[in-house]
Amino acid sequence: RMTREQPLTKHEKMMIVSSLLKQAPPEEFCEAFSDLRLLVSDDSLMCQEAASLCALYNKLHFAPVRSKECEVLLTRHNELEENHFFDPQRQVSFKFDHVRQEPSEFQAHPQEDEMGEAWRRALYEGLKVYVSSHYPGGLCSVFIKDTAIRKILIACIAGRLHRPSAFWNGLWKSEWTFTLTPTSTSTQVAGTIMVQAHYFEDGNIHLTVCKDVAETLPVTTETQTTQDFVKLLEDADNEFQGELMEEYQRMSNTHLKAFRRQLPITHSMIDWEKIVTAYTINREKENL
């Protein structure tokens, strides 16, 4: 005997919606949200949760904020409180409207640790040069967290390309962390690179791939350590890109090839538009 399925609770609905929106392709959050809004059929619930869902997506995907007052990525590392963030480079805090994608209420937010700020700024300046050369339209932010005996440096990078006219969008983002102590001569760098791509012309292919990186970084002066860090990051990016291209070629010869429809025995494409037009004309003649 079949039993009637219990309807999902509001909490269960939002858990599913949140999980799906986290996977929304780059620059397509609004489209994904609108589609889910139709599927959920609960406008009140979706509108109520819109801001928190946008905030989650923006922080997860390092949404860029660009204005005359600040230029920074939104991450969990520079969140002060709900909907408030800071730009360590411009030393300002601001409120961010995740739905409208607008910053406001700018206030001074000075850094107190001069030594830590010197390391952070040196790392940012070196990373900025690399990002401007390799990530068109990309942005980087560097944050520092102090404890009693160590300083934790976090570098975030995000580059996105939005090409709806060419039927694709893409995001390359990475996060890098290492720790400094007064006696450090080397440190471990932990990095995560994530690439998202969406192609939607003759099909609908959504790629998401991540790679974790762990390397040793020599610690000397601020300038030399920055140069070594940027070189480490560049090598990791290049290696990952090479692996992606190899995997793409392998998939093109196997999985993606299987998706393609086989040509007919004539080995030429069928002109379906011509066939349908001819069929329509013949039907109209028969009805005369």
Foldseek 3Di string as FASTA:
>chain_A
DDDDDDDDDLVRLVVVLLVVLLQAFPPCSVVSLVVSCVVVVDVVSSVVCVQVSLLVNQQSQQPWQDDPQATGTRHPQQADDVQKGAAQVSQWIWGARSVVRDTDDIDGHHDDDPVLSVLQVLLQVLVVVVCVVPAPVKDKGWDWDDDPFKIKIKIKIKHKDDDVVQQKIKMKIKMKIWMDGPPAQKIKIKMKIWMWMWGPDPHTDIDIDMDIDIDMFGDDDSNVSSVRVSVVVVVVVVVVVVVVVVVVVVCVVPVVVVVDDDDPPVRDDDPVVVVVVVVVVVVVVVVD
